[in-house]
N, C-alpha and C. Protein backbone atom coordinates (compact mmCIF):
# COMPACT_ATOMS: atom_id res chain seq x y z
N MET A 1 -15.81 4.01 22.70
CA MET A 1 -15.27 4.68 21.97
C MET A 1 -14.85 6.14 22.39
N ILE A 2 -13.49 6.51 21.90
CA ILE A 2 -13.18 8.29 22.00
C ILE A 2 -13.36 9.00 20.99
N THR A 3 -14.13 9.89 20.61
CA THR A 3 -14.06 10.80 19.47
C THR A 3 -12.67 11.74 19.26
N ILE A 4 -12.43 11.71 18.26
CA ILE A 4 -11.00 12.23 17.28
C ILE A 4 -11.35 13.26 16.54
N SER A 5 -10.46 14.49 16.20
CA SER A 5 -11.13 15.56 15.19
C SER A 5 -9.66 14.90 14.18
N ILE A 6 -9.83 14.89 12.83
CA ILE A 6 -8.76 15.20 11.99
C ILE A 6 -8.69 15.96 10.85
N THR A 7 -7.89 16.41 10.60
CA THR A 7 -8.32 17.45 9.34
C THR A 7 -7.55 16.90 8.08
N VAL A 8 -8.62 16.75 6.85
CA VAL A 8 -8.19 15.76 5.82
C VAL A 8 -8.39 16.63 4.62
N ASP A 9 -7.91 16.45 3.68
CA ASP A 9 -7.94 17.33 2.32
C ASP A 9 -9.45 16.81 1.60
N GLU A 10 -9.95 17.72 1.19
CA GLU A 10 -11.17 17.84 0.14
C GLU A 10 -11.44 16.46 -0.61
N SER A 11 -10.09 16.16 -1.52
CA SER A 11 -9.86 14.72 -1.94
C SER A 11 -9.94 13.65 -1.38
N LEU A 12 -9.44 13.71 -0.25
CA LEU A 12 -9.37 12.40 0.64
C LEU A 12 -10.97 12.04 1.47
N LEU A 13 -11.08 13.36 1.69
CA LEU A 13 -12.72 12.80 2.09
C LEU A 13 -13.66 12.73 1.11
N THR A 14 -13.62 12.69 0.11
CA THR A 14 -14.49 12.57 -1.39
C THR A 14 -14.18 11.08 -1.50
N ALA A 15 -13.11 10.25 -1.40
CA ALA A 15 -12.82 9.32 -1.67
C ALA A 15 -13.05 8.16 -0.26
N ILE A 16 -13.03 9.02 0.55
CA ILE A 16 -13.32 8.56 2.01
C ILE A 16 -14.94 7.98 1.69
N ASP A 17 -15.75 8.92 1.79
CA ASP A 17 -17.10 8.92 1.41
C ASP A 17 -17.58 8.06 -0.04
N ARG A 18 -17.04 8.06 -0.74
CA ARG A 18 -17.52 7.31 -2.00
C ARG A 18 -16.96 5.48 -1.17
N VAL A 19 -15.69 5.05 -0.91
CA VAL A 19 -15.65 4.06 -0.14
C VAL A 19 -17.06 3.67 1.17
N ALA A 20 -17.11 4.82 1.67
CA ALA A 20 -17.85 4.36 2.70
C ALA A 20 -19.27 4.32 2.24
N ARG A 21 -19.72 5.09 1.25
CA ARG A 21 -21.04 4.66 0.61
C ARG A 21 -21.10 3.56 -0.22
N ASP A 22 -20.05 2.98 -0.81
CA ASP A 22 -19.97 1.71 -1.91
C ASP A 22 -19.78 0.33 -0.97
N SER A 23 -19.20 0.74 0.25
CA SER A 23 -19.11 -0.56 1.38
C SER A 23 -20.43 -0.51 2.12
N LYS A 24 -21.31 0.28 2.30
CA LYS A 24 -22.41 0.50 3.58
C LYS A 24 -21.64 0.62 4.71
N ARG A 25 -20.58 1.37 4.63
CA ARG A 25 -20.34 1.56 6.18
C ARG A 25 -19.92 3.38 6.38
N THR A 26 -19.48 3.66 7.66
CA THR A 26 -19.36 4.91 7.97
C THR A 26 -18.15 5.81 7.69
N ARG A 27 -17.97 6.81 7.62
CA ARG A 27 -16.93 7.37 7.94
C ARG A 27 -15.75 7.00 8.94
N SER A 28 -16.31 6.73 9.89
CA SER A 28 -15.71 6.51 11.11
C SER A 28 -14.82 4.97 11.10
N ASP A 29 -15.90 4.22 10.47
CA ASP A 29 -15.58 2.69 9.66
C ASP A 29 -14.21 2.60 9.25
N ILE A 30 -14.22 3.41 8.18
CA ILE A 30 -13.50 3.30 7.06
C ILE A 30 -11.76 3.98 7.78
N CYS A 31 -12.27 4.86 8.59
CA CYS A 31 -11.04 5.55 9.03
C CYS A 31 -10.56 4.85 10.21
N ARG A 32 -11.19 4.20 10.74
CA ARG A 32 -10.60 2.97 11.77
C ARG A 32 -9.93 2.18 11.19
N LEU A 33 -10.51 1.58 9.94
CA LEU A 33 -9.92 0.27 9.29
C LEU A 33 -8.51 0.67 8.83
N ALA A 34 -8.66 1.93 7.87
CA ALA A 34 -7.29 2.54 7.34
C ALA A 34 -6.30 2.54 8.67
N LEU A 35 -6.39 3.32 9.24
CA LEU A 35 -5.91 3.28 10.68
C LEU A 35 -5.13 1.97 11.45
N ARG A 36 -5.95 0.57 11.54
CA ARG A 36 -5.66 -0.37 12.10
C ARG A 36 -4.71 -0.93 10.79
N LYS A 37 -4.80 -0.98 9.90
CA LYS A 37 -3.91 -1.42 8.30
C LYS A 37 -2.73 -0.84 8.64
N PHE A 38 -2.77 0.70 8.70
CA PHE A 38 -1.47 1.58 8.88
C PHE A 38 -0.89 0.92 10.21
N LEU A 39 -1.22 0.74 11.20
CA LEU A 39 -0.45 0.34 12.36
C LEU A 39 -0.14 -1.12 12.18
N ARG A 40 -0.82 -1.77 11.47
CA ARG A 40 -0.16 -3.45 11.48
C ARG A 40 0.98 -3.28 10.54
N SER A 41 0.91 -2.70 9.41
CA SER A 41 2.17 -2.35 8.45
C SER A 41 3.25 -1.86 9.40
N GLN A 42 3.14 -1.06 9.95
CA GLN A 42 4.29 -0.32 10.59
C GLN A 42 4.54 -1.51 11.88
N ARG A 43 4.36 -2.16 12.47
CA ARG A 43 4.14 -3.59 13.26
C ARG A 43 5.13 -4.53 12.62
N GLU A 44 4.95 -4.54 11.70
CA GLU A 44 5.54 -5.86 10.71
C GLU A 44 6.53 -5.13 10.11
N ALA A 45 6.92 -3.86 9.41
CA ALA A 45 8.00 -2.76 8.91
C ALA A 45 9.23 -3.24 10.29
N LEU A 46 8.57 -3.34 11.33
CA LEU A 46 9.48 -3.07 12.38
C LEU A 46 10.21 -4.32 12.86
N ALA A 47 9.21 -5.46 12.82
CA ALA A 47 9.62 -6.76 12.93
C ALA A 47 10.56 -7.03 11.64
N VAL A 48 10.70 -6.60 10.69
CA VAL A 48 11.47 -7.23 9.56
C VAL A 48 12.52 -6.50 9.76
N ARG A 49 12.83 -5.39 10.27
CA ARG A 49 13.80 -4.10 10.20
C ARG A 49 14.58 -5.24 11.59
N GLU A 50 14.22 -5.57 12.72
CA GLU A 50 14.42 -5.79 13.93
C GLU A 50 15.39 -7.40 13.50
N GLU A 51 14.93 -8.40 13.06
CA GLU A 51 15.22 -9.43 12.02
C GLU A 51 16.33 -9.24 11.40
N GLN A 52 16.60 -8.39 10.50
CA GLN A 52 17.43 -8.07 9.70
C GLN A 52 18.89 -7.62 10.57
N GLU A 53 18.19 -6.40 11.54
CA GLU A 53 19.12 -6.19 12.68
C GLU A 53 20.48 -7.43 13.11
N ALA A 54 19.24 -8.46 13.24
CA ALA A 54 19.57 -9.84 14.27
C ALA A 54 20.64 -10.39 13.47
N TYR A 55 20.54 -10.15 12.05
CA TYR A 55 21.05 -11.42 10.68
C TYR A 55 22.10 -10.64 10.85
N ARG A 56 22.16 -9.10 10.72
CA ARG A 56 23.42 -8.22 10.64
C ARG A 56 24.54 -8.96 11.68
N ALA A 57 23.69 -8.63 13.02
CA ALA A 57 24.41 -8.64 13.97
C ALA A 57 24.99 -10.16 14.16
N HIS A 58 24.32 -11.42 13.78
CA HIS A 58 24.66 -12.71 13.49
C HIS A 58 24.84 -13.33 12.62
N PRO A 59 25.56 -12.97 11.59
CA PRO A 59 25.26 -13.56 10.21
C PRO A 59 25.24 -14.81 10.39
N VAL A 60 24.53 -15.68 9.55
CA VAL A 60 24.17 -16.99 9.47
C VAL A 60 25.19 -17.86 8.57
N ALA A 61 25.76 -18.77 9.03
CA ALA A 61 26.95 -19.37 8.39
C ALA A 61 26.74 -20.46 7.15
N PRO A 62 28.05 -20.33 6.40
CA PRO A 62 27.89 -20.97 5.19
C PRO A 62 27.35 -22.20 5.33
N ASP A 63 27.68 -22.99 6.13
CA ASP A 63 27.25 -24.28 6.69
C ASP A 63 26.16 -24.79 7.86
N GLU A 64 25.83 -23.50 8.65
CA GLU A 64 25.12 -23.77 9.54
C GLU A 64 24.11 -24.58 9.72
N PHE A 65 23.37 -24.84 8.58
CA PHE A 65 22.06 -25.53 8.27
C PHE A 65 22.48 -27.02 7.62
N ASP A 66 23.80 -27.14 7.50
CA ASP A 66 23.85 -28.37 6.34
C ASP A 66 23.18 -29.58 7.12
N SER A 67 23.71 -29.85 8.23
CA SER A 67 23.30 -30.97 9.28
C SER A 67 21.57 -31.19 9.09
N LEU A 68 21.20 -30.06 9.42
CA LEU A 68 19.36 -30.04 9.40
C LEU A 68 18.84 -30.56 8.01
N ILE A 69 19.35 -29.92 7.06
CA ILE A 69 19.13 -30.10 5.76
C ILE A 69 19.63 -31.69 5.24
N ALA A 70 20.50 -32.13 5.48
CA ALA A 70 20.93 -33.49 5.59
C ALA A 70 19.76 -34.70 6.46
N GLY A 71 19.76 -33.77 7.33
CA GLY A 71 18.91 -35.13 8.15
C GLY A 71 17.61 -34.83 7.83
N GLN A 72 16.80 -34.29 6.88
CA GLN A 72 15.43 -34.42 6.43
C GLN A 72 15.37 -34.99 5.06
N SER A 73 13.93 -36.13 5.15
CA SER A 73 14.39 -36.91 3.74
C SER A 73 12.82 -36.33 3.04
N ILE A 74 13.06 -36.79 2.05
CA ILE A 74 11.64 -36.51 0.51
C ILE A 74 11.59 -37.93 0.39
N ASN A 75 10.15 -37.73 0.70
CA ASN A 75 9.27 -38.96 0.68
C ASN A 75 8.75 -38.90 -0.89
N ASP A 76 9.01 -39.70 -1.32
CA ASP A 76 8.44 -39.85 -2.97
C ASP A 76 7.26 -41.01 -2.94
N PRO A 77 6.25 -40.84 -2.74
CA PRO A 77 5.34 -41.53 -3.06
C PRO A 77 5.36 -43.05 -4.23
N GLU A 78 5.88 -42.38 -5.06
CA GLU A 78 5.65 -43.47 -6.28
C GLU A 78 7.09 -44.15 -6.24
N GLU A 79 8.17 -44.14 -5.10
CA GLU A 79 8.66 -44.99 -4.81
C GLU A 79 8.78 -46.17 -4.33
């Protein structure tokens, strides 16, 4: 692992220390978890934006899935 230095305000450090103490983790553990979660959310947001852009560029036609839906059957165990 590589050590980095960051600057945080006192209230954030207090919150980190409280969570670290309560979860029996280190400050570094809490910061790593938070960074991973943030980076994951950024990747997910990017994927959503890319999907939205793709649908804007190539919108779904009103009847595009009709044949697929018509080909599906619902099996009712009561019948």
